[in-house]
Amino acid sequence: MTIFAIGLAAGLLTAIVYVVVAGRAFMRIRSEILAGIASSGTDAPDYERQGRNFGWKAAGGVVVSTLLLALVSTAGWTWYLLPFLAIGTSVTVIVAFLLDRLSSTDGS
């Protein structure tokens, strides 16, 4: 029961931080796009800052997800890993949002 309480608290905290950071990133990028459209007079947003080499990362994610689902179907104890993997994924996305924000304020 203790592990459930820890997982619940970590999940709730992560969810709140995730929504706040994602919302702030959305509003920042929205204002940057609107400012760019207003200054250039075009409707096309600038996609230069988007990441490259995403294909191998996405393929790796698919492979790992498939392996985890196969593992869950063979051993019952692995069901306990899935909530913590989801929380870890959310923390990783939060860190990515924060790093993006830092890199955009540095001008790089």
C-alpha atoms as a PDB file:
ATOM      1  CA  MET A   1       0.000   0.000   0.000  1.00  0.00           C
ATOM      2  CA  THR A   2       2.916   2.333   0.660  1.00  0.00           C
ATOM      3  CA  ILE A   3       4.162   1.996  -2.910  1.00  0.00           C
ATOM      4  CA  PHE A   4       0.685   2.964  -4.127  1.00  0.00           C
ATOM      5  CA  ALA A   5       0.696   6.124  -1.995  1.00  0.00           C
ATOM      6  CA  ILE A   6       4.180   7.050  -3.225  1.00  0.00           C
ATOM      7  CA  GLY A   7       3.175   6.415  -6.839  1.00  0.00           C
ATOM      8  CA  LEU A   8      -0.038   8.403  -6.435  1.00  0.00           C
ATOM      9  CA  ALA A   9       1.744  11.391  -4.890  1.00  0.00           C
ATOM     10  CA  ALA A  10       4.504  11.311  -7.511  1.00  0.00           C
ATOM     11  CA  GLY A  11       1.962  10.968 -10.309  1.00  0.00           C
ATOM     12  CA  LEU A  12      -0.169  13.870  -9.090  1.00  0.00           C
ATOM     13  CA  LEU A  13       2.828  16.145  -8.621  1.00  0.00           C
ATOM     14  CA  THR A  14       4.206  15.213 -12.025  1.00  0.00           C
ATOM     15  CA  ALA A  15       0.828  15.774 -13.691  1.00  0.00           C
ATOM     16  CA  ILE A  16       0.463  19.248 -12.173  1.00  0.00           C
ATOM     17  CA  VAL A  17       3.998  20.289 -13.162  1.00  0.00           C
ATOM     18  CA  TYR A  18       3.513  18.780 -16.637  1.00  0.00           C
ATOM     19  CA  VAL A  19       0.341  20.770 -17.308  1.00  0.00           C
ATOM     20  CA  VAL A  20       1.852  24.029 -16.019  1.00  0.00           C
ATOM     21  CA  VAL A  21       5.110  23.682 -17.993  1.00  0.00           C
ATOM     22  CA  ALA A  22       3.341  22.553 -21.173  1.00  0.00           C
ATOM     23  CA  GLY A  23       0.839  25.415 -20.909  1.00  0.00           C
ATOM     24  CA  ARG A  24       3.597  27.980 -20.467  1.00  0.00           C
ATOM     25  CA  ALA A  25       5.538  26.526 -23.414  1.00  0.00           C
ATOM     26  CA  PHE A  26       2.404  26.616 -25.570  1.00  0.00           C
ATOM     27  CA  MET A  27       1.721  30.253 -24.703  1.00  0.00           C
ATOM     28  CA  ARG A  28       5.372  31.226 -25.312  1.00  0.00           C
ATOM     29  CA  ILE A  29       5.513  29.548 -28.702  1.00  0.00           C
ATOM     30  CA  ARG A  30       2.112  30.929 -29.653  1.00  0.00           C
ATOM     31  CA  SER A  31       3.253  34.473 -28.857  1.00  0.00           C
ATOM     32  CA  GLU A  32       6.508  33.927 -30.806  1.00  0.00           C
ATOM     33  CA  ILE A  33       4.589  32.705 -33.845  1.00  0.00           C
ATOM     34  CA  LEU A  34       2.090  35.568 -33.669  1.00  0.00           C
ATOM     35  CA  ALA A  35       4.919  38.078 -33.275  1.00  0.00           C
ATOM     36  CA  GLY A  36       6.693  36.557 -36.297  1.00  0.00           C
ATOM     37  CA  ILE A  37       3.538  36.683 -38.404  1.00  0.00           C
ATOM     38  CA  ALA A  38       2.894  40.281 -37.407  1.00  0.00           C
ATOM     39  CA  SER A  39       6.450  41.390 -38.188  1.00  0.00           C
ATOM     40  CA  SER A  40       6.831  39.497 -41.470  1.00  0.00           C
ATOM     41  CA  GLY A  41       3.282  39.852 -42.740  1.00  0.00           C
ATOM     42  CA  THR A  42       3.092  36.146 -43.675  1.00  0.00           C
ATOM     43  CA  ASP A  43       0.979  33.309 -42.373  1.00  0.00           C
ATOM     44  CA  ALA A  44       3.797  30.723 -42.475  1.00  0.00           C
ATOM     45  CA  PRO A  45       5.424  29.958 -39.098  1.00  0.00           C
ATOM     46  CA  ASP A  46       9.172  29.423 -38.905  1.00  0.00           C
ATOM     47  CA  TYR A  47      10.029  25.741 -38.380  1.00  0.00           C
ATOM     48  CA  GLU A  48      13.820  26.139 -38.293  1.00  0.00           C
ATOM     49  CA  ARG A  49      14.092  25.456 -34.556  1.00  0.00           C
ATOM     50  CA  GLN A  50      12.433  22.038 -34.706  1.00  0.00           C
ATOM     51  CA  GLY A  51      14.614  19.092 -33.817  1.00  0.00           C
ATOM     52  CA  ARG A  52      16.257  16.848 -36.341  1.00  0.00           C
ATOM     53  CA  ASN A  53      17.015  13.106 -36.319  1.00  0.00           C
ATOM     54  CA  PHE A  54      13.706  12.297 -34.701  1.00  0.00           C
ATOM     55  CA  GLY A  55      13.098   9.091 -36.664  1.00  0.00           C
ATOM     56  CA  TRP A  56      15.553   6.861 -34.807  1.00  0.00           C
ATOM     57  CA  LYS A  57      14.291   8.144 -31.439  1.00  0.00           C
ATOM     58  CA  ALA A  58      10.693   7.391 -32.378  1.00  0.00           C
ATOM     59  CA  ALA A  59      11.647   3.939 -33.662  1.00  0.00           C
ATOM     60  CA  GLY A  60      13.501   3.215 -30.426  1.00  0.00           C
ATOM     61  CA  GLY A  61      10.449   4.247 -28.438  1.00  0.00           C
ATOM     62  CA  VAL A  62       8.251   1.900 -30.439  1.00  0.00           C
ATOM     63  CA  VAL A  63      10.658  -1.004 -29.918  1.00  0.00           C
ATOM     64  CA  VAL A  64      10.949  -0.400 -26.166  1.00  0.00           C
ATOM     65  CA  SER A  65       7.177   0.000 -25.783  1.00  0.00           C
ATOM     66  CA  THR A  66       6.566  -3.235 -27.651  1.00  0.00           C
ATOM     67  CA  LEU A  67       9.089  -5.084 -25.502  1.00  0.00           C
ATOM     68  CA  LEU A  68       7.516  -3.731 -22.311  1.00  0.00           C
ATOM     69  CA  LEU A  69       4.054  -4.802 -23.414  1.00  0.00           C
ATOM     70  CA  ALA A  70       5.386  -8.262 -24.219  1.00  0.00           C
ATOM     71  CA  LEU A  71       7.060  -8.405 -20.787  1.00  0.00           C
ATOM     72  CA  VAL A  72       3.825  -7.406 -19.050  1.00  0.00           C
ATOM     73  CA  SER A  73       1.996 -10.237 -20.758  1.00  0.00           C
ATOM     74  CA  THR A  74       4.493 -12.816 -19.470  1.00  0.00           C
ATOM     75  CA  ALA A  75       5.097 -11.758 -15.853  1.00  0.00           C
ATOM     76  CA  GLY A  76       2.563 -10.348 -13.413  1.00  0.00           C
ATOM     77  CA  TRP A  77       5.026  -8.333 -11.347  1.00  0.00           C
ATOM     78  CA  THR A  78       5.827  -6.114 -14.326  1.00  0.00           C
ATOM     79  CA  TRP A  79       2.417  -4.434 -14.035  1.00  0.00           C
ATOM     80  CA  TYR A  80       3.906  -2.498 -11.124  1.00  0.00           C
ATOM     81  CA  LEU A  81       6.545  -0.988 -13.387  1.00  0.00           C
ATOM     82  CA  LEU A  82       4.156   0.643 -15.856  1.00  0.00           C
ATOM     83  CA  PRO A  83       2.899   3.541 -13.670  1.00  0.00           C
ATOM     84  CA  PHE A  84       6.455   4.452 -12.729  1.00  0.00           C
ATOM     85  CA  LEU A  85       7.562   4.282 -16.359  1.00  0.00           C
ATOM     86  CA  ALA A  86       4.732   6.664 -17.234  1.00  0.00           C
ATOM     87  CA  ILE A  87       5.792   9.047 -14.469  1.00  0.00           C
ATOM     88  CA  GLY A  88       9.389   8.837 -15.697  1.00  0.00           C
ATOM     89  CA  THR A  89       8.287   9.633 -19.234  1.00  0.00           C
ATOM     90  CA  SER A  90       6.369  12.665 -17.989  1.00  0.00           C
ATOM     91  CA  VAL A  91       9.394  13.893 -16.037  1.00  0.00           C
ATOM     92  CA  THR A  92      11.499  13.521 -19.178  1.00  0.00           C
ATOM     93  CA  VAL A  93       9.038  15.617 -21.184  1.00  0.00           C
ATOM     94  CA  ILE A  94       9.031  18.266 -18.434  1.00  0.00           C
ATOM     95  CA  VAL A  95      12.832  18.423 -18.602  1.00  0.00           C
ATOM     96  CA  ALA A  96      12.625  18.775 -22.401  1.00  0.00           C
ATOM     97  CA  PHE A  97      10.211  21.702 -22.032  1.00  0.00           C
ATOM     98  CA  LEU A  98      12.525  23.373 -19.521  1.00  0.00           C
ATOM     99  CA  LEU A  99      15.597  22.850 -21.706  1.00  0.00           C
ATOM    100  CA  ASP A 100      13.725  24.283 -24.687  1.00  0.00           C
ATOM    101  CA  ARG A 101      12.805  27.310 -22.636  1.00  0.00           C
ATOM    102  CA  LEU A 102      16.420  27.799 -21.536  1.00  0.00           C
ATOM    103  CA  SER A 103      17.717  27.469 -25.079  1.00  0.00           C
ATOM    104  CA  SER A 104      15.162  29.967 -26.382  1.00  0.00           C
ATOM    105  CA  THR A 105      16.117  32.556 -23.752  1.00  0.00           C
ATOM    106  CA  ASP A 106      19.830  32.141 -24.562  1.00  0.00           C
ATOM    107  CA  GLY A 107      19.140  33.046 -28.172  1.00  0.00           C
ATOM    108  CA  SER A 108      20.496  29.784 -29.553  1.00  0.00           C
END
